[in-house]
Amino acid sequence: MPEPDKREPTHGADERGATVAALTAHDLPAERRRQLLSRLVADVRARGVSDVFKPGRVIRWVADEVSEVAPHIPIRDLDTLRRHHDGLDGEELADRLVRNAALATASVGATSGGVAAVEWAVTPTLLSAPVLLAVETVAVVAIEIKLIGELHEVYRRPVPGTGTQRAVALLQAWANRRGVNPLVPGVGVAAVLGTSARKELRDRLLRRFSRNLTTLGPLLTGAAVAGYLNRRATRAIGDQLREDLRKMGEA
C-alpha cells in the first residue's frame, strides 16, 4: 500500500462515519472499496496507532471506533427498502438483504486480503497490517449492524429512539445475536460501553478480529479465505436475527 500523505489532515468521527457508511453498500466497485479502506487505514495511522499494535488494547480501540461510527450507519426504512429491491417484501426481501450484506462483507475481506498480500511482499509497509485488520473489522461490523437494523424494518419491528439510542440498541443486538427489545430504555453509547454490555461487545469483537487474521495469509490465499469467512459469518448473523424476529412477531 502506498505511504499516506503525511500532510493530509485526519478525519473527524463524522468523516470516518461517512466513509464507513459508504463501505456498507453491497454493490461498490472493488476499486472504490479499496480506496475507502485505504482512506480509513491512512486516517488511523495519521492519528497515531500505538494502541492498535498492542494486543491488549486493539479490541478496545475497535470497540471505541465501532461506537463512534455506529450512529452514522444508514438504516433504510421499509418503504425505501422495497423501492430499492423491486418491490420485494417479507421473507424475499429479507433473503435479498442477507445475501447483499454477505456479498459486501466478503468483498471487504477479499479487498483487505489483497492489500495484505501486497504488504507481505513489501516488508516496510507490513507495519500497517494490524491497522488494516482493525479497519476491516470495523467495516464488517458496520455492514452487519446495517443488516440488523434493516431486518427489523422488514419484520415490522423498527428500532425506536434517537440516532445514538438506535446505534446502542443495534450494537447490543449485534453482540448478542438477538433482536432489539423496544422495552429496554435507550442510553448513550458511552454509557452502554461502560456496563457489562461492553464486555460482551468486546468478546464478540475479539472473536471477529481473530478470525480476520486470515487476511494475513500469504499471497492471495488470505483474500479468498477472508472473503469466504466473512460471507459465512454474515449469513449466520442474518439467519439468527431472522429467527429471533420471527419469534418476537409470534409472541
Protein backbone atom coordinates (compact mmCIF):
# COMPACT_ATOMS: atom_id res chain seq x y z
CA MET A 1 0.00 0.00 0.00
CA PRO A 2 1.35 3.48 -0.83
CA GLU A 3 2.57 5.54 2.10
CA PRO A 4 -0.18 8.01 3.09
CA ASP A 5 0.38 11.73 2.62
CA LYS A 6 1.62 12.96 5.99
CA ARG A 7 0.20 16.42 5.30
CA GLU A 8 -3.34 15.16 4.93
CA PRO A 9 -5.45 16.10 7.99
CA THR A 10 -7.11 13.33 9.90
CA HIS A 11 -10.84 12.88 9.58
CA GLY A 12 -13.20 13.50 12.47
CA ALA A 13 -15.77 10.99 13.64
CA ASP A 14 -18.32 12.35 11.17
CA GLU A 15 -15.99 11.88 8.20
CA ARG A 16 -14.96 8.42 9.32
CA GLY A 17 -18.60 7.58 9.87
CA ALA A 18 -19.41 8.71 6.33
CA THR A 19 -16.56 6.59 4.95
CA VAL A 20 -17.71 3.50 6.85
CA ALA A 21 -21.31 4.19 5.79
CA ALA A 22 -20.17 4.21 2.16
CA LEU A 23 -18.45 0.86 2.72
CA THR A 24 -21.75 -0.73 3.76
CA ALA A 25 -23.06 -0.59 0.16
CA HIS A 26 -23.10 -4.10 -1.29
CA ASP A 27 -22.56 -3.03 -4.91
CA LEU A 28 -19.40 -0.93 -4.55
CA PRO A 29 -16.82 -1.50 -7.29
CA ALA A 30 -13.74 -3.25 -5.94
CA GLU A 31 -11.51 -0.26 -6.64
CA ARG A 32 -13.83 2.10 -4.74
CA ARG A 33 -13.94 -0.28 -1.76
CA ARG A 34 -10.15 -0.44 -1.77
CA GLN A 35 -9.98 3.37 -1.79
CA LEU A 36 -12.35 3.67 1.17
CA LEU A 37 -10.48 1.05 3.21
CA SER A 38 -7.17 2.72 2.36
CA ARG A 39 -8.58 6.07 3.46
CA LEU A 40 -9.51 4.64 6.85
CA VAL A 41 -6.12 2.97 7.28
CA ALA A 42 -4.33 6.20 6.39
CA ASP A 43 -6.51 8.11 8.84
CA VAL A 44 -5.80 5.68 11.68
CA ARG A 45 -2.07 5.83 11.02
CA ALA A 46 -2.15 9.63 10.88
CA ARG A 47 -3.96 9.78 14.23
CA GLY A 48 -1.35 7.57 15.87
CA VAL A 49 -1.63 3.81 16.08
CA SER A 50 0.35 2.86 19.17
CA ASP A 51 -2.69 1.29 20.83
CA VAL A 52 -3.56 -0.76 17.76
CA PHE A 53 -0.19 -2.52 17.90
CA LYS A 54 -0.77 -3.67 21.50
CA PRO A 55 -2.82 -6.90 21.60
CA GLY A 56 -4.42 -5.97 24.90
CA ARG A 57 -5.74 -2.70 23.52
CA VAL A 58 -6.65 -3.40 19.93
CA ILE A 59 -10.15 -4.65 20.74
CA ARG A 60 -10.78 -1.65 22.97
CA TRP A 61 -9.78 0.55 20.04
CA VAL A 62 -12.08 -1.34 17.66
CA ALA A 63 -14.99 -1.14 20.12
CA ASP A 64 -14.50 2.61 20.52
CA GLU A 65 -14.29 3.07 16.76
CA VAL A 66 -17.41 0.99 16.14
CA SER A 67 -19.31 3.01 18.76
CA GLU A 68 -18.23 6.26 17.07
CA VAL A 69 -19.34 5.28 13.58
CA ALA A 70 -22.48 3.34 14.55
CA PRO A 71 -24.77 6.42 14.67
CA HIS A 72 -23.72 7.23 11.08
CA ILE A 73 -24.67 3.87 9.59
CA PRO A 74 -27.62 4.39 7.23
CA ILE A 75 -30.66 2.24 8.05
CA ARG A 76 -33.29 2.35 5.31
CA ASP A 77 -36.96 2.20 6.30
CA LEU A 78 -39.27 -0.43 4.84
CA ASP A 79 -40.66 1.75 2.06
CA THR A 80 -37.15 2.68 0.92
CA LEU A 81 -36.02 -0.94 1.06
CA ARG A 82 -38.95 -2.04 -1.09
CA ARG A 83 -38.21 0.69 -3.65
CA HIS A 84 -34.55 -0.32 -3.77
CA HIS A 85 -35.37 -4.02 -4.23
CA ASP A 86 -38.04 -4.12 -6.94
CA GLY A 87 -40.98 -4.14 -4.54
CA LEU A 88 -39.87 -7.25 -2.62
CA ASP A 89 -41.30 -7.70 0.86
CA GLY A 90 -41.30 -10.19 3.72
CA GLU A 91 -39.04 -13.21 3.53
CA GLU A 92 -37.99 -12.49 -0.06
CA LEU A 93 -36.76 -9.04 0.91
CA ALA A 94 -35.01 -10.46 3.99
CA ASP A 95 -33.30 -13.04 1.77
CA ARG A 96 -32.05 -10.30 -0.53
CA LEU A 97 -30.73 -8.16 2.34
CA VAL A 98 -28.81 -11.05 3.87
CA ARG A 99 -27.38 -12.01 0.51
CA ASN A 100 -26.27 -8.45 -0.26
CA ALA A 101 -24.73 -7.95 3.18
CA ALA A 102 -22.82 -11.23 2.84
CA LEU A 103 -21.54 -10.12 -0.56
CA ALA A 104 -20.42 -6.80 0.95
CA THR A 105 -18.52 -8.35 3.88
CA ALA A 106 -16.97 -10.91 1.55
CA SER A 107 -15.80 -8.06 -0.67
CA VAL A 108 -14.29 -6.24 2.32
CA GLY A 109 -12.42 -9.40 3.31
CA ALA A 110 -11.19 -10.03 -0.21
CA THR A 111 -10.09 -6.41 -0.63
CA SER A 112 -8.27 -6.38 2.70
CA GLY A 113 -6.67 -9.72 1.88
CA GLY A 114 -5.45 -8.37 -1.43
CA VAL A 115 -3.92 -5.33 0.22
CA ALA A 116 -2.32 -7.51 2.89
CA ALA A 117 -0.84 -9.73 0.18
CA VAL A 118 0.97 -6.70 -1.22
CA GLU A 119 2.22 -5.83 2.25
CA TRP A 120 3.66 -9.31 2.72
CA ALA A 121 5.65 -8.75 -0.47
CA VAL A 122 6.81 -5.28 0.57
CA THR A 123 8.21 -5.66 4.08
CA PRO A 124 8.48 -1.99 5.15
CA THR A 125 4.73 -1.47 4.71
CA LEU A 126 3.82 -4.51 6.79
CA LEU A 127 3.57 -2.18 9.78
CA SER A 128 0.09 -1.17 8.64
CA ALA A 129 -1.21 -4.75 8.64
CA PRO A 130 -2.62 -4.63 12.22
CA VAL A 131 -4.34 -1.36 11.33
CA LEU A 132 -5.77 -2.96 8.20
CA LEU A 133 -7.22 -5.80 10.29
CA ALA A 134 -8.74 -3.35 12.75
CA VAL A 135 -10.28 -1.30 9.94
CA GLU A 136 -11.61 -4.44 8.23
CA THR A 137 -13.28 -5.47 11.49
CA VAL A 138 -14.94 -2.06 11.87
CA ALA A 139 -16.19 -2.13 8.26
CA VAL A 140 -17.58 -5.66 8.52
CA VAL A 141 -19.34 -4.93 11.81
CA ALA A 142 -20.86 -1.78 10.28
CA ILE A 143 -22.29 -3.79 7.37
CA GLU A 144 -23.77 -6.33 9.78
CA ILE A 145 -25.24 -3.61 12.01
CA LYS A 146 -26.91 -2.11 8.94
CA LEU A 147 -28.28 -5.55 8.08
CA ILE A 148 -29.67 -5.97 11.59
CA GLY A 149 -31.37 -2.57 11.51
CA GLU A 150 -32.93 -3.23 8.12
CA LEU A 151 -34.11 -6.72 9.06
CA HIS A 152 -36.00 -5.09 11.92
CA GLU A 153 -37.71 -2.92 9.32
CA VAL A 154 -38.61 -5.92 7.16
CA TYR A 155 -40.19 -7.74 10.12
CA ARG A 156 -42.13 -4.61 11.14
CA ARG A 157 -40.14 -4.06 14.31
CA PRO A 158 -38.24 -0.82 13.56
CA VAL A 159 -35.72 0.19 16.19
CA PRO A 160 -37.04 3.25 18.06
CA GLY A 161 -35.16 6.18 19.55
CA THR A 162 -32.68 8.83 18.50
CA GLY A 163 -29.70 8.09 16.28
CA THR A 164 -27.50 7.39 19.28
CA GLN A 165 -30.12 5.27 21.03
CA ARG A 166 -30.70 3.24 17.88
CA ALA A 167 -26.95 2.76 17.49
CA VAL A 168 -26.67 1.41 21.02
CA ALA A 169 -29.58 -0.97 20.51
CA LEU A 170 -28.09 -2.26 17.26
CA LEU A 171 -24.64 -2.69 18.84
CA GLN A 172 -26.22 -4.80 21.56
CA ALA A 173 -28.20 -6.78 19.01
CA TRP A 174 -25.01 -7.44 17.05
CA ALA A 175 -23.14 -8.55 20.18
CA ASN A 176 -25.79 -10.95 21.47
CA ARG A 177 -27.31 -12.01 18.11
CA ARG A 178 -30.81 -11.12 19.28
CA GLY A 179 -33.49 -8.74 18.09
CA VAL A 180 -33.87 -5.37 19.78
CA ASN A 181 -36.23 -5.30 22.74
CA PRO A 182 -38.14 -1.99 22.47
CA LEU A 183 -38.96 -2.09 26.19
CA VAL A 184 -35.33 -1.51 27.15
CA PRO A 185 -34.80 2.24 27.65
CA GLY A 186 -32.25 3.86 25.34
CA VAL A 187 -28.96 5.16 26.72
CA GLY A 188 -25.89 6.80 25.26
CA VAL A 189 -23.12 4.86 23.56
CA ALA A 190 -20.62 5.80 26.27
CA ALA A 191 -23.00 4.56 28.96
CA VAL A 192 -23.69 1.19 27.39
CA LEU A 193 -20.00 0.60 26.74
CA GLY A 194 -19.34 1.24 30.42
CA THR A 195 -21.61 -1.63 31.53
CA SER A 196 -21.43 -5.39 31.17
CA ALA A 197 -22.60 -4.91 27.59
CA ARG A 198 -19.15 -3.51 26.84
CA LYS A 199 -17.52 -6.81 27.77
CA GLU A 200 -20.00 -8.72 25.63
CA LEU A 201 -19.29 -6.42 22.71
CA ARG A 202 -15.52 -6.73 23.16
CA ASP A 203 -15.68 -10.51 23.43
CA ARG A 204 -17.63 -10.69 20.20
CA LEU A 205 -15.24 -8.25 18.50
CA LEU A 206 -12.26 -10.27 19.69
CA ARG A 207 -13.64 -13.38 18.03
CA ARG A 208 -14.30 -11.44 14.84
CA PHE A 209 -10.85 -9.81 14.86
CA SER A 210 -9.14 -13.15 15.46
CA ARG A 211 -10.98 -14.66 12.52
CA ASN A 212 -9.86 -11.74 10.36
CA LEU A 213 -6.23 -12.73 10.97
CA THR A 214 -6.74 -14.97 7.93
CA THR A 215 -6.42 -11.78 5.91
CA LEU A 216 -2.67 -12.00 6.52
CA GLY A 217 -2.39 -15.27 4.62
CA PRO A 218 0.39 -15.46 2.03
CA LEU A 219 -0.24 -14.13 -1.46
CA LEU A 220 -3.95 -14.08 -2.32
CA THR A 221 -4.99 -17.03 -0.16
CA GLY A 222 -5.77 -14.53 2.61
CA ALA A 223 -8.19 -12.71 0.33
CA ALA A 224 -10.04 -15.89 -0.62
CA VAL A 225 -10.31 -17.21 2.93
CA ALA A 226 -11.23 -13.86 4.47
CA GLY A 227 -13.93 -13.32 1.88
CA TYR A 228 -15.39 -16.78 2.48
CA LEU A 229 -15.35 -16.49 6.28
CA ASN A 230 -16.89 -13.01 6.25
CA ARG A 231 -19.67 -14.15 3.95
CA ARG A 232 -20.42 -17.20 6.10
CA ALA A 233 -20.43 -15.22 9.35
CA THR A 234 -22.72 -12.51 7.96
CA ARG A 235 -25.19 -15.11 6.70
CA ALA A 236 -25.17 -16.73 10.13
CA ILE A 237 -25.96 -13.40 11.80
CA GLY A 238 -28.78 -12.77 9.35
CA ASP A 239 -30.26 -16.22 9.95
CA GLN A 240 -30.08 -15.84 13.73
CA LEU A 241 -31.69 -12.41 13.69
CA ARG A 242 -34.46 -13.51 11.34
CA GLU A 243 -35.32 -16.46 13.57
CA ASP A 244 -35.42 -14.24 16.64
CA LEU A 245 -37.51 -11.56 14.92
CA ARG A 246 -39.99 -14.18 13.73
CA LYS A 247 -40.39 -15.43 17.30
CA MET A 248 -40.91 -11.86 18.54
CA GLY A 249 -43.61 -11.40 15.93
CA GLU A 250 -45.40 -14.53 17.11
CA ALA A 251 -45.27 -13.58 20.79
